[in-house]
Amino acid sequence: MTYRRWFVVGAAFALIGALVAAFAIFYGNFSPRGYVEDRYTRASGQDIGREAIAYTSYKSPSHVAAEVTKAWKPADQFVDGSGVYLRYDDDSVVILPAAAGSLILLEGVSTAYPRYHSTVGNSWGWGRGSTVRGGGPGSGK
């Protein structure tokens, strides 16, 4: 009788764990890309080739940037009058002003950096979650 009881309790915990995992997979945001895809309106007509996937929001670029950076801290960020440029490990989120809110462009860093280099210059550091300089004693010298 004792083994049967533990089996039932173990099966119940396994079922609860499976339900939580399924919920996380279907409704979770595991990247800044997933966050943008889940919260903003897809605008395929404003894509830039196959590299930069477009979304829109009725909110201002600064408001959208605040939402995204609150959920996902960028490795680097550049802000000027042309927009907000967020760099993550593998992705970039570029938020530009539009007539009625914002245009949000998702793009891999490898294609975004050459596209926006004239704007961000050397502001976007390289490396996973770090800037160009930094590290330990003697690094970057």
N, C-alpha and C. Protein backbone atom coordinates (compact mmCIF):
# COMPACT_ATOMS: atom_id res chain seq x y z
N MET A 1 0.81 -1.20 0.00
CA MET A 1 0.00 0.00 0.00
C MET A 1 0.86 1.26 0.00
N THR A 2 1.95 1.28 0.72
CA THR A 2 2.81 2.44 0.79
C THR A 2 3.43 2.75 -0.57
N TYR A 3 3.88 1.68 -1.29
CA TYR A 3 4.49 1.91 -2.60
C TYR A 3 3.47 2.48 -3.58
N ARG A 4 2.27 2.02 -3.49
CA ARG A 4 1.22 2.50 -4.39
C ARG A 4 0.96 3.98 -4.16
N ARG A 5 0.95 4.37 -2.93
CA ARG A 5 0.71 5.78 -2.57
C ARG A 5 1.82 6.67 -3.13
N TRP A 6 3.08 6.25 -2.97
CA TRP A 6 4.20 7.01 -3.48
C TRP A 6 4.18 7.06 -5.01
N PHE A 7 3.75 5.98 -5.61
CA PHE A 7 3.64 5.95 -7.07
C PHE A 7 2.62 6.98 -7.55
N VAL A 8 1.48 7.06 -6.87
CA VAL A 8 0.44 8.02 -7.24
C VAL A 8 0.94 9.45 -7.03
N VAL A 9 1.62 9.71 -5.92
CA VAL A 9 2.15 11.05 -5.65
C VAL A 9 3.21 11.41 -6.71
N GLY A 10 4.09 10.46 -7.04
CA GLY A 10 5.12 10.70 -8.07
C GLY A 10 4.50 10.97 -9.43
N ALA A 11 3.48 10.19 -9.78
CA ALA A 11 2.80 10.39 -11.06
C ALA A 11 2.12 11.76 -11.11
N ALA A 12 1.54 12.20 -10.01
CA ALA A 12 0.89 13.51 -9.95
C ALA A 12 1.91 14.63 -10.16
N PHE A 13 3.07 14.52 -9.50
CA PHE A 13 4.11 15.53 -9.68
C PHE A 13 4.64 15.53 -11.11
N ALA A 14 4.80 14.36 -11.70
CA ALA A 14 5.25 14.27 -13.08
C ALA A 14 4.25 14.92 -14.02
N LEU A 15 2.98 14.71 -13.80
CA LEU A 15 1.94 15.32 -14.62
C LEU A 15 1.96 16.84 -14.49
N ILE A 16 2.08 17.31 -13.28
CA ILE A 16 2.15 18.77 -13.05
C ILE A 16 3.38 19.35 -13.74
N GLY A 17 4.52 18.67 -13.62
CA GLY A 17 5.75 19.13 -14.28
C GLY A 17 5.60 19.17 -15.79
N ALA A 18 4.96 18.16 -16.36
CA ALA A 18 4.75 18.12 -17.81
C ALA A 18 3.83 19.26 -18.25
N LEU A 19 2.80 19.55 -17.47
CA LEU A 19 1.89 20.66 -17.81
C LEU A 19 2.61 22.00 -17.75
N VAL A 20 3.44 22.19 -16.74
CA VAL A 20 4.19 23.44 -16.61
C VAL A 20 5.17 23.58 -17.78
N ALA A 21 5.86 22.50 -18.13
CA ALA A 21 6.81 22.55 -19.25
C ALA A 21 6.08 22.84 -20.57
N ALA A 22 4.94 22.21 -20.78
CA ALA A 22 4.18 22.46 -22.01
C ALA A 22 3.72 23.91 -22.08
N PHE A 23 3.26 24.45 -20.97
CA PHE A 23 2.83 25.85 -20.93
C PHE A 23 4.01 26.77 -21.26
N ALA A 24 5.17 26.48 -20.68
CA ALA A 24 6.35 27.31 -20.93
C ALA A 24 6.77 27.26 -22.39
N ILE A 25 6.67 26.08 -23.00
CA ILE A 25 7.07 25.94 -24.40
C ILE A 25 6.13 26.71 -25.32
N PHE A 26 4.85 26.60 -25.08
CA PHE A 26 3.88 27.23 -25.99
C PHE A 26 3.65 28.71 -25.71
N TYR A 27 3.86 29.15 -24.49
CA TYR A 27 3.56 30.54 -24.15
C TYR A 27 4.76 31.32 -23.65
N GLY A 28 5.91 30.70 -23.59
CA GLY A 28 7.09 31.37 -23.06
C GLY A 28 7.82 32.17 -24.11
N ASN A 29 8.64 33.07 -23.64
CA ASN A 29 9.51 33.85 -24.50
C ASN A 29 10.93 33.52 -24.10
N PHE A 30 11.65 32.86 -24.99
CA PHE A 30 12.97 32.42 -24.65
C PHE A 30 14.06 33.26 -25.30
N SER A 31 13.67 34.36 -25.91
CA SER A 31 14.64 35.25 -26.54
C SER A 31 13.97 36.60 -26.80
N PRO A 32 14.77 37.63 -27.06
CA PRO A 32 14.17 38.92 -27.43
C PRO A 32 13.34 38.78 -28.71
N ARG A 33 13.79 37.92 -29.62
CA ARG A 33 13.05 37.68 -30.86
C ARG A 33 11.66 37.15 -30.55
N GLY A 34 11.57 36.16 -29.67
CA GLY A 34 10.27 35.59 -29.29
C GLY A 34 9.40 36.62 -28.59
N TYR A 35 10.02 37.47 -27.78
CA TYR A 35 9.27 38.51 -27.08
C TYR A 35 8.60 39.45 -28.08
N VAL A 36 9.36 39.91 -29.08
CA VAL A 36 8.82 40.83 -30.09
C VAL A 36 7.75 40.12 -30.92
N GLU A 37 8.02 38.90 -31.33
CA GLU A 37 7.06 38.14 -32.15
C GLU A 37 5.72 37.96 -31.43
N ASP A 38 5.77 37.78 -30.12
CA ASP A 38 4.55 37.55 -29.35
C ASP A 38 3.76 38.82 -29.05
N ARG A 39 4.42 39.98 -29.03
CA ARG A 39 3.75 41.18 -28.53
C ARG A 39 3.43 42.25 -29.56
N TYR A 40 4.04 42.17 -30.72
CA TYR A 40 3.84 43.23 -31.69
C TYR A 40 3.26 42.68 -32.99
N THR A 41 2.72 43.56 -33.83
CA THR A 41 2.00 43.17 -35.04
C THR A 41 2.97 42.96 -36.20
N ARG A 42 2.88 41.82 -36.83
CA ARG A 42 3.74 41.49 -37.97
C ARG A 42 3.40 42.40 -39.15
N ALA A 43 4.44 42.92 -39.81
CA ALA A 43 4.27 43.82 -40.95
C ALA A 43 5.19 43.35 -42.07
N SER A 44 4.83 42.25 -42.72
CA SER A 44 5.70 41.64 -43.73
C SER A 44 6.00 42.57 -44.90
N GLY A 45 5.14 43.51 -45.18
CA GLY A 45 5.37 44.45 -46.26
C GLY A 45 6.52 45.41 -45.99
N GLN A 46 6.98 45.48 -44.75
CA GLN A 46 8.07 46.38 -44.40
C GLN A 46 9.36 45.63 -44.08
N ASP A 47 9.38 44.31 -44.34
CA ASP A 47 10.61 43.54 -44.16
C ASP A 47 11.70 44.12 -45.05
N ILE A 48 12.93 43.97 -44.64
CA ILE A 48 14.08 44.35 -45.47
C ILE A 48 14.73 43.04 -45.91
N GLY A 49 14.41 42.65 -47.13
CA GLY A 49 14.89 41.37 -47.63
C GLY A 49 14.38 40.22 -46.78
N ARG A 50 15.21 39.21 -46.65
CA ARG A 50 14.86 38.08 -45.77
C ARG A 50 15.53 38.21 -44.42
N GLU A 51 16.39 39.21 -44.28
CA GLU A 51 17.16 39.34 -43.05
C GLU A 51 16.42 40.08 -41.94
N ALA A 52 15.80 41.21 -42.24
CA ALA A 52 15.16 42.05 -41.23
C ALA A 52 13.65 41.86 -41.30
N ILE A 53 13.12 41.24 -40.26
CA ILE A 53 11.69 40.93 -40.18
C ILE A 53 11.00 42.07 -39.44
N ALA A 54 9.95 42.63 -40.03
CA ALA A 54 9.32 43.84 -39.50
C ALA A 54 8.07 43.56 -38.66
N TYR A 55 7.93 44.37 -37.62
CA TYR A 55 6.76 44.38 -36.75
C TYR A 55 6.41 45.84 -36.50
N THR A 56 5.20 46.11 -36.08
CA THR A 56 4.80 47.49 -35.77
C THR A 56 4.15 47.54 -34.40
N SER A 57 4.13 48.75 -33.87
CA SER A 57 3.45 49.05 -32.62
C SER A 57 2.91 50.46 -32.69
N TYR A 58 1.82 50.71 -32.03
CA TYR A 58 1.28 52.07 -31.97
C TYR A 58 2.02 52.90 -30.92
N LYS A 59 2.90 52.27 -30.15
CA LYS A 59 3.66 52.97 -29.10
C LYS A 59 4.91 53.61 -29.69
N SER A 60 5.44 54.60 -28.99
CA SER A 60 6.66 55.29 -29.44
C SER A 60 7.86 54.36 -29.35
N PRO A 61 8.93 54.66 -30.11
CA PRO A 61 10.13 53.83 -30.03
C PRO A 61 10.69 53.73 -28.61
N SER A 62 10.68 54.83 -27.87
CA SER A 62 11.23 54.77 -26.51
C SER A 62 10.39 53.87 -25.61
N HIS A 63 9.07 53.87 -25.81
CA HIS A 63 8.20 53.01 -25.01
C HIS A 63 8.40 51.54 -25.36
N VAL A 64 8.49 51.24 -26.65
CA VAL A 64 8.73 49.87 -27.09
C VAL A 64 10.09 49.40 -26.56
N ALA A 65 11.10 50.25 -26.68
CA ALA A 65 12.43 49.89 -26.19
C ALA A 65 12.42 49.61 -24.70
N ALA A 66 11.68 50.41 -23.94
CA ALA A 66 11.59 50.18 -22.50
C ALA A 66 10.95 48.82 -22.20
N GLU A 67 9.93 48.45 -22.96
CA GLU A 67 9.28 47.15 -22.77
C GLU A 67 10.24 46.00 -23.08
N VAL A 68 10.92 46.12 -24.21
CA VAL A 68 11.83 45.04 -24.63
C VAL A 68 13.00 44.91 -23.67
N THR A 69 13.61 46.05 -23.30
CA THR A 69 14.78 45.98 -22.42
C THR A 69 14.42 45.58 -21.00
N LYS A 70 13.19 45.82 -20.61
CA LYS A 70 12.76 45.35 -19.28
C LYS A 70 12.68 43.83 -19.27
N ALA A 71 12.21 43.25 -20.36
CA ALA A 71 12.08 41.80 -20.46
C ALA A 71 13.42 41.13 -20.78
N TRP A 72 14.23 41.76 -21.64
CA TRP A 72 15.49 41.19 -22.10
C TRP A 72 16.55 42.28 -22.12
N LYS A 73 17.50 42.22 -21.21
CA LYS A 73 18.57 43.22 -21.13
C LYS A 73 19.52 43.05 -22.31
N PRO A 74 19.71 44.11 -23.10
CA PRO A 74 20.60 44.00 -24.26
C PRO A 74 22.07 44.00 -23.85
N ALA A 75 22.90 43.42 -24.69
CA ALA A 75 24.34 43.47 -24.47
C ALA A 75 24.85 44.89 -24.73
N ASP A 76 24.26 45.55 -25.72
CA ASP A 76 24.59 46.94 -26.04
C ASP A 76 23.35 47.65 -26.55
N GLN A 77 23.35 48.97 -26.36
CA GLN A 77 22.20 49.77 -26.78
C GLN A 77 22.71 51.10 -27.29
N PHE A 78 22.11 51.56 -28.38
CA PHE A 78 22.44 52.86 -28.94
C PHE A 78 21.14 53.58 -29.24
N VAL A 79 21.04 54.84 -28.79
CA VAL A 79 19.82 55.62 -28.99
C VAL A 79 20.21 56.96 -29.58
N ASP A 80 19.53 57.35 -30.65
CA ASP A 80 19.67 58.71 -31.19
C ASP A 80 18.34 59.10 -31.82
N GLY A 81 18.32 60.20 -32.52
CA GLY A 81 17.08 60.69 -33.10
C GLY A 81 16.49 59.78 -34.16
N SER A 82 17.30 58.89 -34.72
CA SER A 82 16.79 57.99 -35.76
C SER A 82 16.12 56.75 -35.20
N GLY A 83 16.37 56.42 -33.93
CA GLY A 83 15.74 55.24 -33.34
C GLY A 83 16.53 54.66 -32.19
N VAL A 84 16.12 53.44 -31.81
CA VAL A 84 16.75 52.71 -30.72
C VAL A 84 17.31 51.42 -31.32
N TYR A 85 18.58 51.15 -31.05
CA TYR A 85 19.27 50.01 -31.63
C TYR A 85 19.75 49.11 -30.48
N LEU A 86 19.17 47.93 -30.37
CA LEU A 86 19.50 47.01 -29.29
C LEU A 86 20.25 45.82 -29.86
N ARG A 87 21.39 45.49 -29.26
CA ARG A 87 22.16 44.32 -29.68
C ARG A 87 22.11 43.27 -28.59
N TYR A 88 21.77 42.07 -28.98
CA TYR A 88 21.79 40.91 -28.10
C TYR A 88 22.86 39.96 -28.60
N ASP A 89 23.02 38.82 -27.96
CA ASP A 89 24.08 37.89 -28.36
C ASP A 89 23.98 37.51 -29.83
N ASP A 90 22.80 37.13 -30.29
CA ASP A 90 22.64 36.67 -31.66
C ASP A 90 21.74 37.56 -32.51
N ASP A 91 20.91 38.35 -31.87
CA ASP A 91 19.90 39.14 -32.56
C ASP A 91 20.07 40.63 -32.30
N SER A 92 19.46 41.41 -33.19
CA SER A 92 19.33 42.84 -32.95
C SER A 92 17.85 43.18 -33.02
N VAL A 93 17.47 44.17 -32.25
CA VAL A 93 16.11 44.71 -32.30
C VAL A 93 16.29 46.20 -32.57
N VAL A 94 15.86 46.64 -33.74
CA VAL A 94 15.98 48.04 -34.13
C VAL A 94 14.58 48.63 -34.15
N ILE A 95 14.39 49.70 -33.38
CA ILE A 95 13.07 50.31 -33.22
C ILE A 95 13.14 51.73 -33.80
N LEU A 96 12.41 51.91 -34.89
CA LEU A 96 12.44 53.18 -35.61
C LEU A 96 11.10 53.89 -35.50
N PRO A 97 11.10 55.22 -35.49
CA PRO A 97 9.83 55.93 -35.47
C PRO A 97 9.06 55.71 -36.78
N ALA A 98 7.76 55.59 -36.67
CA ALA A 98 6.88 55.45 -37.83
C ALA A 98 5.77 56.49 -37.69
N ALA A 99 5.00 56.67 -38.73
CA ALA A 99 3.94 57.68 -38.72
C ALA A 99 3.00 57.50 -37.53
N ALA A 100 2.66 56.28 -37.22
CA ALA A 100 1.72 56.03 -36.12
C ALA A 100 2.33 55.05 -35.12
N GLY A 101 3.49 55.39 -34.57
CA GLY A 101 4.10 54.52 -33.57
C GLY A 101 5.51 54.14 -33.93
N SER A 102 5.76 52.82 -34.04
CA SER A 102 7.11 52.32 -34.24
C SER A 102 7.17 51.20 -35.26
N LEU A 103 8.28 51.13 -35.95
CA LEU A 103 8.62 50.00 -36.79
C LEU A 103 9.72 49.25 -36.05
N ILE A 104 9.52 47.97 -35.83
CA ILE A 104 10.46 47.15 -35.07
C ILE A 104 11.05 46.12 -36.04
N LEU A 105 12.36 46.12 -36.17
CA LEU A 105 13.03 45.21 -37.09
C LEU A 105 13.86 44.20 -36.31
N LEU A 106 13.59 42.92 -36.54
CA LEU A 106 14.36 41.83 -35.94
C LEU A 106 15.35 41.33 -36.97
N GLU A 107 16.60 41.21 -36.57
CA GLU A 107 17.61 40.79 -37.53
C GLU A 107 18.78 40.17 -36.77
N GLY A 108 19.44 39.23 -37.39
CA GLY A 108 20.65 38.68 -36.80
C GLY A 108 21.72 39.74 -36.72
N VAL A 109 22.57 39.65 -35.71
CA VAL A 109 23.61 40.66 -35.53
C VAL A 109 24.58 40.67 -36.71
N SER A 110 24.83 39.52 -37.30
CA SER A 110 25.80 39.46 -38.40
C SER A 110 25.37 40.27 -39.62
N THR A 111 24.08 40.44 -39.84
CA THR A 111 23.63 41.29 -40.94
C THR A 111 23.21 42.69 -40.47
N ALA A 112 22.82 42.80 -39.21
CA ALA A 112 22.39 44.11 -38.70
C ALA A 112 23.57 45.07 -38.52
N TYR A 113 24.69 44.55 -38.05
CA TYR A 113 25.82 45.45 -37.80
C TYR A 113 26.29 46.15 -39.08
N PRO A 114 26.49 45.43 -40.19
CA PRO A 114 26.87 46.15 -41.42
C PRO A 114 25.80 47.13 -41.89
N ARG A 115 24.53 46.77 -41.69
CA ARG A 115 23.44 47.64 -42.14
C ARG A 115 23.41 48.94 -41.32
N TYR A 116 23.63 48.86 -40.02
CA TYR A 116 23.50 50.02 -39.14
C TYR A 116 24.82 50.58 -38.65
N HIS A 117 25.93 50.11 -39.18
CA HIS A 117 27.23 50.57 -38.71
C HIS A 117 27.39 52.08 -38.81
N SER A 118 26.86 52.67 -39.88
CA SER A 118 27.00 54.13 -40.03
C SER A 118 26.26 54.88 -38.93
N THR A 119 25.29 54.24 -38.30
CA THR A 119 24.56 54.87 -37.20
C THR A 119 25.17 54.52 -35.85
N VAL A 120 25.36 53.23 -35.59
CA VAL A 120 25.83 52.79 -34.27
C VAL A 120 27.33 52.89 -34.13
N GLY A 121 28.05 52.95 -35.27
CA GLY A 121 29.50 53.06 -35.24
C GLY A 121 30.12 51.99 -34.38
N ASN A 122 30.94 52.40 -33.45
CA ASN A 122 31.60 51.46 -32.55
C ASN A 122 30.84 51.33 -31.23
N SER A 123 29.60 51.83 -31.19
CA SER A 123 28.82 51.75 -29.95
C SER A 123 28.41 50.33 -29.60
N TRP A 124 28.18 49.54 -30.65
CA TRP A 124 27.85 48.13 -30.40
C TRP A 124 29.16 47.38 -30.23
N GLY A 125 29.42 46.97 -29.01
CA GLY A 125 30.61 46.16 -28.77
C GLY A 125 30.37 44.75 -29.26
N TRP A 126 31.42 43.96 -29.30
CA TRP A 126 31.28 42.58 -29.74
C TRP A 126 31.62 41.65 -28.61
N GLY A 127 31.18 40.44 -28.73
CA GLY A 127 31.37 39.44 -27.69
C GLY A 127 30.03 39.14 -27.06
N ARG A 128 29.93 38.01 -26.46
CA ARG A 128 28.66 37.56 -25.91
C ARG A 128 28.38 38.32 -24.62
N GLY A 129 27.49 39.29 -24.69
CA GLY A 129 27.05 40.01 -23.50
C GLY A 129 28.08 40.98 -22.95
N SER A 130 29.03 41.38 -23.74
CA SER A 130 30.02 42.31 -23.23
C SER A 130 30.30 43.37 -24.28
N THR A 131 31.01 44.38 -23.88
CA THR A 131 31.40 45.40 -24.83
C THR A 131 32.78 45.07 -25.37
N VAL A 132 33.30 45.89 -26.28
CA VAL A 132 34.59 45.61 -26.90
C VAL A 132 35.68 45.58 -25.84
N ARG A 133 35.66 46.53 -24.94
CA ARG A 133 36.68 46.59 -23.90
C ARG A 133 36.17 45.90 -22.65
N GLY A 134 37.08 45.61 -21.80
CA GLY A 134 36.69 44.97 -20.55
C GLY A 134 37.27 43.57 -20.50
N GLY A 135 36.97 42.88 -19.48
CA GLY A 135 37.54 41.55 -19.29
C GLY A 135 38.34 41.57 -18.01
N GLY A 136 39.57 41.23 -18.08
CA GLY A 136 40.39 41.19 -16.88
C GLY A 136 41.59 42.08 -17.04
N PRO A 137 42.52 41.98 -16.09
CA PRO A 137 43.74 42.79 -16.17
C PRO A 137 44.50 42.46 -17.45
N GLY A 138 44.88 43.48 -18.17
CA GLY A 138 45.66 43.30 -19.38
C GLY A 138 44.87 42.98 -20.63
N SER A 139 43.55 42.77 -20.51
CA SER A 139 42.80 42.43 -21.71
C SER A 139 42.53 43.67 -22.53
N GLY A 140 42.54 43.54 -23.83
CA GLY A 140 42.24 44.65 -24.72
C GLY A 140 43.37 45.64 -24.87
N LYS A 141 44.56 45.29 -24.37
CA LYS A 141 45.68 46.22 -24.48
C LYS A 141 46.56 45.84 -25.63
